[in-house]
Amino acid sequence: MKRRDLKIDKLPTIRRLPAYLNLLRELSIKGEQTVSSSHLAERMGIEPILVRKDLELTRITGTPRIGYSIQDLIGGIEGFLGLGDTLDAFLIGVGQLGSSLLSNQNLMNLGLRIVAAFDKEPQKSRSEANGIPVFGLERLGELARRINVCLAILCVQPEEAQDVTDILVAAGVKGIWNFTSANLVVPDDVITQNEDLSSGFAVLSVKMTKRKMAAH
């Protein structure tokens, strides 16, 4: 198998879009009809010009001195992110991180529906987690083929990640959200998204160290 990195333009903007969406939905619930880029910038902690550049991806334009239509922006962001349909997924590894993802309401609001979870520990595989059935890892390939899910969320130990990935790929899974530190090897037609928590902490630590040094 070959590894393949799918490059996407405007990735930092795409990472911010769910935060815009949550904020816009909050404003809509309060009965607001329009919102300015300056208000969004203040709530997001960024510059107004960056907000306007981000929202260009939605192809929704604002009106001078009035702002953007909140409903239009919500529709534009949902359309750009492909949130019109619910995406069914398997979660593999029901530890602390996996359990947290199972109960993450924000992911559900974005259209992610975890239909089953898997774990190698027998006591977990005979139970439920947040209402989601938990199966033994040995049933992963069988159920992936039967239910025909296209996305898997990987929360196993790094040394187990490639073996689990091979099972998923053989069962026809085309997207893997990887929360391990393993570098997965997949075919060209399988997309992976890595969320290495140790890398994220390393970036945060460097930023904090630089801020501390600048203050002295």
C-alpha atoms as a PDB file:
ATOM      1  CA  MET A   1       0.000   0.000   0.000  1.00  0.00           C
ATOM      2  CA  LYS A   2       1.111   3.540  -0.642  1.00  0.00           C
ATOM      3  CA  ARG A   3       0.674   6.553   1.570  1.00  0.00           C
ATOM      4  CA  ARG A   4      -1.047   9.491   0.001  1.00  0.00           C
ATOM      5  CA  ASP A   5      -1.477  12.998   1.386  1.00  0.00           C
ATOM      6  CA  LEU A   6      -4.433  14.880  -0.036  1.00  0.00           C
ATOM      7  CA  LYS A   7      -3.577  18.579  -0.113  1.00  0.00           C
ATOM      8  CA  ILE A   8      -6.426  21.001   0.510  1.00  0.00           C
ATOM      9  CA  ASP A   9      -6.171  24.745   0.009  1.00  0.00           C
ATOM     10  CA  LYS A  10      -7.393  27.064   2.766  1.00  0.00           C
ATOM     11  CA  LEU A  11      -6.991  24.364   5.432  1.00  0.00           C
ATOM     12  CA  PRO A  12      -6.729  26.851   8.363  1.00  0.00           C
ATOM     13  CA  THR A  13      -9.991  28.449   7.195  1.00  0.00           C
ATOM     14  CA  ILE A  14     -11.694  25.066   6.942  1.00  0.00           C
ATOM     15  CA  ARG A  15     -10.632  24.293  10.513  1.00  0.00           C
ATOM     16  CA  ARG A  16     -12.315  27.522  11.658  1.00  0.00           C
ATOM     17  CA  LEU A  17     -15.596  26.989   9.802  1.00  0.00           C
ATOM     18  CA  PRO A  18     -17.193  24.706  12.431  1.00  0.00           C
ATOM     19  CA  ALA A  19     -16.546  27.398  15.063  1.00  0.00           C
ATOM     20  CA  TYR A  20     -18.260  29.978  12.847  1.00  0.00           C
ATOM     21  CA  LEU A  21     -21.145  27.558  12.381  1.00  0.00           C
ATOM     22  CA  ASN A  22     -21.624  27.004  16.116  1.00  0.00           C
ATOM     23  CA  LEU A  23     -21.550  30.772  16.723  1.00  0.00           C
ATOM     24  CA  LEU A  24     -24.015  31.495  13.922  1.00  0.00           C
ATOM     25  CA  ARG A  25     -26.417  28.828  15.158  1.00  0.00           C
ATOM     26  CA  GLU A  26     -26.215  30.372  18.638  1.00  0.00           C
ATOM     27  CA  LEU A  27     -27.072  33.808  17.219  1.00  0.00           C
ATOM     28  CA  SER A  28     -29.924  32.335  15.177  1.00  0.00           C
ATOM     29  CA  ILE A  29     -31.446  30.703  18.265  1.00  0.00           C
ATOM     30  CA  LYS A  30     -31.381  34.141  19.933  1.00  0.00           C
ATOM     31  CA  GLY A  31     -33.414  35.514  17.039  1.00  0.00           C
ATOM     32  CA  GLU A  32     -30.646  37.488  15.326  1.00  0.00           C
ATOM     33  CA  GLN A  33     -31.019  37.944  11.567  1.00  0.00           C
ATOM     34  CA  THR A  34     -27.697  39.506  10.544  1.00  0.00           C
ATOM     35  CA  VAL A  35     -24.158  39.620  11.877  1.00  0.00           C
ATOM     36  CA  SER A  36     -21.151  41.818  11.106  1.00  0.00           C
ATOM     37  CA  SER A  37     -17.645  40.605  10.390  1.00  0.00           C
ATOM     38  CA  SER A  38     -16.399  42.683  13.334  1.00  0.00           C
ATOM     39  CA  HIS A  39     -18.756  40.872  15.733  1.00  0.00           C
ATOM     40  CA  LEU A  40     -17.649  37.498  14.418  1.00  0.00           C
ATOM     41  CA  ALA A  41     -14.020  38.583  14.665  1.00  0.00           C
ATOM     42  CA  GLU A  42     -14.458  39.638  18.291  1.00  0.00           C
ATOM     43  CA  ARG A  43     -16.110  36.352  19.234  1.00  0.00           C
ATOM     44  CA  MET A  44     -13.511  34.315  17.327  1.00  0.00           C
ATOM     45  CA  GLY A  45     -10.533  36.310  18.586  1.00  0.00           C
ATOM     46  CA  ILE A  46      -9.235  37.128  15.097  1.00  0.00           C
ATOM     47  CA  GLU A  47      -9.099  40.162  12.785  1.00  0.00           C
ATOM     48  CA  PRO A  48     -12.217  41.223  10.795  1.00  0.00           C
ATOM     49  CA  ILE A  49     -10.296  41.015   7.510  1.00  0.00           C
ATOM     50  CA  LEU A  50      -9.541  37.353   8.232  1.00  0.00           C
ATOM     51  CA  VAL A  51     -13.233  36.720   8.902  1.00  0.00           C
ATOM     52  CA  ARG A  52     -14.151  38.228   5.543  1.00  0.00           C
ATOM     53  CA  LYS A  53     -11.517  36.122   3.766  1.00  0.00           C
ATOM     54  CA  ASP A  54     -12.735  32.994   5.534  1.00  0.00           C
ATOM     55  CA  LEU A  55     -16.346  33.624   4.580  1.00  0.00           C
ATOM     56  CA  GLU A  56     -15.407  34.073   0.919  1.00  0.00           C
ATOM     57  CA  LEU A  57     -15.329  30.254   0.747  1.00  0.00           C
ATOM     58  CA  THR A  58     -19.084  30.203   1.334  1.00  0.00           C
ATOM     59  CA  ARG A  59     -19.704  32.588  -1.598  1.00  0.00           C
ATOM     60  CA  ILE A  60     -22.076  34.511   0.684  1.00  0.00           C
ATOM     61  CA  THR A  61     -21.564  38.265   0.520  1.00  0.00           C
ATOM     62  CA  GLY A  62     -22.402  40.803   3.185  1.00  0.00           C
ATOM     63  CA  THR A  63     -24.169  44.155   2.871  1.00  0.00           C
ATOM     64  CA  PRO A  64     -22.307  47.333   3.922  1.00  0.00           C
ATOM     65  CA  ARG A  65     -23.419  48.615   7.363  1.00  0.00           C
ATOM     66  CA  ILE A  66     -25.799  45.664   7.712  1.00  0.00           C
ATOM     67  CA  GLY A  67     -23.588  42.594   7.646  1.00  0.00           C
ATOM     68  CA  TYR A  68     -24.238  39.025   6.597  1.00  0.00           C
ATOM     69  CA  SER A  69     -27.494  37.123   6.656  1.00  0.00           C
ATOM     70  CA  ILE A  70     -27.038  34.571   9.423  1.00  0.00           C
ATOM     71  CA  GLN A  71     -29.226  31.966   7.733  1.00  0.00           C
ATOM     72  CA  ASP A  72     -27.409  32.411   4.430  1.00  0.00           C
ATOM     73  CA  LEU A  73     -24.057  31.959   6.163  1.00  0.00           C
ATOM     74  CA  ILE A  74     -25.258  28.857   7.983  1.00  0.00           C
ATOM     75  CA  GLY A  75     -26.431  27.375   4.687  1.00  0.00           C
ATOM     76  CA  GLY A  76     -23.212  28.405   2.932  1.00  0.00           C
ATOM     77  CA  ILE A  77     -20.949  26.848   5.551  1.00  0.00           C
ATOM     78  CA  GLU A  78     -23.008  23.655   5.771  1.00  0.00           C
ATOM     79  CA  GLY A  79     -22.931  23.359   1.992  1.00  0.00           C
ATOM     80  CA  PHE A  80     -19.185  23.926   1.764  1.00  0.00           C
ATOM     81  CA  LEU A  81     -18.468  21.396   4.518  1.00  0.00           C
ATOM     82  CA  GLY A  82     -20.846  18.860   2.988  1.00  0.00           C
ATOM     83  CA  LEU A  83     -23.031  18.660   6.085  1.00  0.00           C
ATOM     84  CA  GLY A  84     -26.296  17.989   4.299  1.00  0.00           C
ATOM     85  CA  ASP A  85     -26.200  14.237   4.952  1.00  0.00           C
ATOM     86  CA  THR A  86     -25.439  12.254   8.091  1.00  0.00           C
ATOM     87  CA  LEU A  87     -22.116  10.400   7.950  1.00  0.00           C
ATOM     88  CA  ASP A  88     -22.143   6.989   9.642  1.00  0.00           C
ATOM     89  CA  ALA A  89     -18.932   5.886  11.322  1.00  0.00           C
ATOM     90  CA  PHE A  90     -17.331   3.169  13.433  1.00  0.00           C
ATOM     91  CA  LEU A  91     -15.187   4.053  16.436  1.00  0.00           C
ATOM     92  CA  ILE A  92     -12.358   1.688  17.327  1.00  0.00           C
ATOM     93  CA  GLY A  93     -10.915   1.917  20.835  1.00  0.00           C
ATOM     94  CA  VAL A  94     -13.285   2.753  23.703  1.00  0.00           C
ATOM     95  CA  GLY A  95     -10.763   4.233  26.112  1.00  0.00           C
ATOM     96  CA  GLN A  96     -10.928   7.718  27.605  1.00  0.00           C
ATOM     97  CA  LEU A  97     -10.524   9.482  24.255  1.00  0.00           C
ATOM     98  CA  GLY A  98     -12.868   7.160  22.386  1.00  0.00           C
ATOM     99  CA  SER A  99     -15.544   7.490  25.075  1.00  0.00           C
ATOM    100  CA  SER A 100     -15.235  11.268  24.915  1.00  0.00           C
ATOM    101  CA  LEU A 101     -15.791  11.244  21.156  1.00  0.00           C
ATOM    102  CA  LEU A 102     -18.827   9.003  21.556  1.00  0.00           C
ATOM    103  CA  SER A 103     -20.520  11.686  23.662  1.00  0.00           C
ATOM    104  CA  ASN A 104     -19.341  14.724  21.687  1.00  0.00           C
ATOM    105  CA  GLN A 105     -22.488  16.665  20.822  1.00  0.00           C
ATOM    106  CA  ASN A 106     -20.650  19.072  18.510  1.00  0.00           C
ATOM    107  CA  LEU A 107     -19.668  16.192  16.229  1.00  0.00           C
ATOM    108  CA  MET A 108     -23.272  15.006  16.168  1.00  0.00           C
ATOM    109  CA  ASN A 109     -24.404  18.520  15.257  1.00  0.00           C
ATOM    110  CA  LEU A 110     -22.018  18.443  12.298  1.00  0.00           C
ATOM    111  CA  GLY A 111     -23.641  15.262  11.010  1.00  0.00           C
ATOM    112  CA  LEU A 112     -21.326  12.558  12.355  1.00  0.00           C
ATOM    113  CA  ARG A 113     -23.212   9.505  13.636  1.00  0.00           C
ATOM    114  CA  ILE A 114     -21.207   6.772  15.335  1.00  0.00           C
ATOM    115  CA  VAL A 115     -23.268   3.623  14.792  1.00  0.00           C
ATOM    116  CA  ALA A 116     -20.994   1.123  16.540  1.00  0.00           C
ATOM    117  CA  ALA A 117     -17.818   0.977  18.593  1.00  0.00           C
ATOM    118  CA  PHE A 118     -15.161  -1.735  18.920  1.00  0.00           C
ATOM    119  CA  ASP A 119     -12.630  -2.664  21.577  1.00  0.00           C
ATOM    120  CA  LYS A 120     -10.260  -5.549  22.237  1.00  0.00           C
ATOM    121  CA  GLU A 121     -11.149  -5.784  25.945  1.00  0.00           C
ATOM    122  CA  PRO A 122     -13.897  -8.410  26.504  1.00  0.00           C
ATOM    123  CA  GLN A 123     -15.682  -6.503  29.280  1.00  0.00           C
ATOM    124  CA  LYS A 124     -16.135  -3.484  26.996  1.00  0.00           C
ATOM    125  CA  SER A 125     -17.236  -5.561  24.023  1.00  0.00           C
ATOM    126  CA  ARG A 126     -20.271  -6.855  25.921  1.00  0.00           C
ATOM    127  CA  SER A 127     -21.612  -3.433  26.784  1.00  0.00           C
ATOM    128  CA  GLU A 128     -22.766  -0.090  25.456  1.00  0.00           C
ATOM    129  CA  ALA A 129     -21.126   3.330  25.625  1.00  0.00           C
ATOM    130  CA  ASN A 130     -23.430   6.358  25.517  1.00  0.00           C
ATOM    131  CA  GLY A 131     -26.093   4.180  23.926  1.00  0.00           C
ATOM    132  CA  ILE A 132     -23.720   2.930  21.195  1.00  0.00           C
ATOM    133  CA  PRO A 133     -23.190  -0.867  21.052  1.00  0.00           C
ATOM    134  CA  VAL A 134     -19.603  -1.990  21.674  1.00  0.00           C
ATOM    135  CA  PHE A 135     -18.341  -5.106  19.881  1.00  0.00           C
ATOM    136  CA  GLY A 136     -15.178  -7.145  20.114  1.00  0.00           C
ATOM    137  CA  LEU A 137     -12.430  -6.147  17.719  1.00  0.00           C
ATOM    138  CA  GLU A 138     -12.666  -9.538  16.012  1.00  0.00           C
ATOM    139  CA  ARG A 139     -16.049  -8.505  14.540  1.00  0.00           C
ATOM    140  CA  LEU A 140     -14.749  -5.290  12.955  1.00  0.00           C
ATOM    141  CA  GLY A 141     -14.209  -6.580   9.427  1.00  0.00           C
ATOM    142  CA  GLU A 142     -17.471  -8.530   9.327  1.00  0.00           C
ATOM    143  CA  LEU A 143     -19.634  -5.628  10.520  1.00  0.00           C
ATOM    144  CA  ALA A 144     -17.814  -3.050   8.382  1.00  0.00           C
ATOM    145  CA  ARG A 145     -18.712  -5.069   5.291  1.00  0.00           C
ATOM    146  CA  ARG A 146     -22.278  -5.758   6.444  1.00  0.00           C
ATOM    147  CA  ILE A 147     -23.193  -2.213   7.513  1.00  0.00           C
ATOM    148  CA  ASN A 148     -21.132  -0.601   4.727  1.00  0.00           C
ATOM    149  CA  VAL A 149     -19.843   2.397   6.675  1.00  0.00           C
ATOM    150  CA  CYS A 150     -17.345   4.619   4.883  1.00  0.00           C
ATOM    151  CA  LEU A 151     -15.614   6.250   7.897  1.00  0.00           C
ATOM    152  CA  ALA A 152     -13.724   4.865  10.884  1.00  0.00           C
ATOM    153  CA  ILE A 153     -12.389   6.742  13.923  1.00  0.00           C
ATOM    154  CA  LEU A 154      -9.175   5.240  15.251  1.00  0.00           C
ATOM    155  CA  CYS A 155      -8.453   5.575  18.998  1.00  0.00           C
ATOM    156  CA  VAL A 156      -6.333   2.481  19.574  1.00  0.00           C
ATOM    157  CA  GLN A 157      -2.722   2.188  20.717  1.00  0.00           C
ATOM    158  CA  PRO A 158      -0.215   3.316  18.032  1.00  0.00           C
ATOM    159  CA  GLU A 159       1.267  -0.165  17.699  1.00  0.00           C
ATOM    160  CA  GLU A 160      -2.186  -1.558  16.885  1.00  0.00           C
ATOM    161  CA  ALA A 161      -3.202   1.147  14.439  1.00  0.00           C
ATOM    162  CA  GLN A 162      -1.826  -0.304  11.192  1.00  0.00           C
ATOM    163  CA  ASP A 163      -3.305  -3.767  11.780  1.00  0.00           C
ATOM    164  CA  VAL A 164      -6.723  -2.223  12.466  1.00  0.00           C
ATOM    165  CA  THR A 165      -6.328   0.011   9.411  1.00  0.00           C
ATOM    166  CA  ASP A 166      -5.601  -3.003   7.203  1.00  0.00           C
ATOM    167  CA  ILE A 167      -8.830  -4.646   8.406  1.00  0.00           C
ATOM    168  CA  LEU A 168     -10.806  -1.473   7.705  1.00  0.00           C
ATOM    169  CA  VAL A 169      -9.334  -1.033   4.236  1.00  0.00           C
ATOM    170  CA  ALA A 170     -10.013  -4.681   3.343  1.00  0.00           C
ATOM    171  CA  ALA A 171     -13.636  -4.151   4.440  1.00  0.00           C
ATOM    172  CA  GLY A 172     -14.048  -1.162   2.118  1.00  0.00           C
ATOM    173  CA  VAL A 173     -13.740   1.764   4.529  1.00  0.00           C
ATOM    174  CA  LYS A 174     -12.635   4.853   2.567  1.00  0.00           C
ATOM    175  CA  GLY A 175     -11.961   7.385   5.327  1.00  0.00           C
ATOM    176  CA  ILE A 176      -9.980   7.041   8.561  1.00  0.00           C
ATOM    177  CA  TRP A 177      -9.878   9.694  11.266  1.00  0.00           C
ATOM    178  CA  ASN A 178      -6.646   8.800  13.031  1.00  0.00           C
ATOM    179  CA  PHE A 179      -6.288   9.854  16.678  1.00  0.00           C
ATOM    180  CA  THR A 180      -3.115   7.823  17.145  1.00  0.00           C
ATOM    181  CA  SER A 181       0.493   8.860  16.578  1.00  0.00           C
ATOM    182  CA  ALA A 182       0.995   6.104  13.983  1.00  0.00           C
ATOM    183  CA  ASN A 183       1.771   6.967  10.364  1.00  0.00           C
ATOM    184  CA  LEU A 184      -0.809   4.896   8.542  1.00  0.00           C
ATOM    185  CA  VAL A 185      -0.089   3.273   5.197  1.00  0.00           C
ATOM    186  CA  VAL A 186      -3.207   3.172   3.012  1.00  0.00           C
ATOM    187  CA  PRO A 187      -4.105   2.808  -0.700  1.00  0.00           C
ATOM    188  CA  ASP A 188      -4.614   5.863  -2.890  1.00  0.00           C
ATOM    189  CA  ASP A 189      -8.402   5.662  -2.634  1.00  0.00           C
ATOM    190  CA  VAL A 190      -8.456   5.874   1.190  1.00  0.00           C
ATOM    191  CA  ILE A 191      -8.353   9.277   2.895  1.00  0.00           C
ATOM    192  CA  THR A 192      -6.796   9.753   6.323  1.00  0.00           C
ATOM    193  CA  GLN A 193      -6.937  12.710   8.693  1.00  0.00           C
ATOM    194  CA  ASN A 194      -4.410  12.671  11.523  1.00  0.00           C
ATOM    195  CA  GLU A 195      -5.171  14.251  14.899  1.00  0.00           C
ATOM    196  CA  ASP A 196      -2.005  13.552  16.876  1.00  0.00           C
ATOM    197  CA  LEU A 197      -2.581  15.028  20.347  1.00  0.00           C
ATOM    198  CA  SER A 198       1.137  14.933  21.185  1.00  0.00           C
ATOM    199  CA  SER A 199       1.926  17.070  18.125  1.00  0.00           C
ATOM    200  CA  GLY A 200      -0.755  19.554  19.107  1.00  0.00           C
ATOM    201  CA  PHE A 201       0.643  19.770  22.625  1.00  0.00           C
ATOM    202  CA  ALA A 202       4.165  20.257  21.236  1.00  0.00           C
ATOM    203  CA  VAL A 203       3.011  23.259  19.191  1.00  0.00           C
ATOM    204  CA  LEU A 204       1.213  24.728  22.209  1.00  0.00           C
ATOM    205  CA  SER A 205       4.265  24.199  24.415  1.00  0.00           C
ATOM    206  CA  VAL A 206       6.568  25.977  21.932  1.00  0.00           C
ATOM    207  CA  LYS A 207       4.169  28.934  21.688  1.00  0.00           C
ATOM    208  CA  MET A 208       3.968  29.226  25.476  1.00  0.00           C
ATOM    209  CA  THR A 209       7.756  29.015  25.811  1.00  0.00           C
ATOM    210  CA  LYS A 210       8.253  31.772  23.233  1.00  0.00           C
ATOM    211  CA  ARG A 211       5.668  33.962  24.967  1.00  0.00           C
ATOM    212  CA  LYS A 212       7.443  33.434  28.301  1.00  0.00           C
ATOM    213  CA  MET A 213      10.827  34.299  26.796  1.00  0.00           C
ATOM    214  CA  ALA A 214       9.438  37.442  25.168  1.00  0.00           C
ATOM    215  CA  ALA A 215       8.045  38.609  28.496  1.00  0.00           C
ATOM    216  CA  HIS A 216      11.501  38.552  30.137  1.00  0.00           C
END
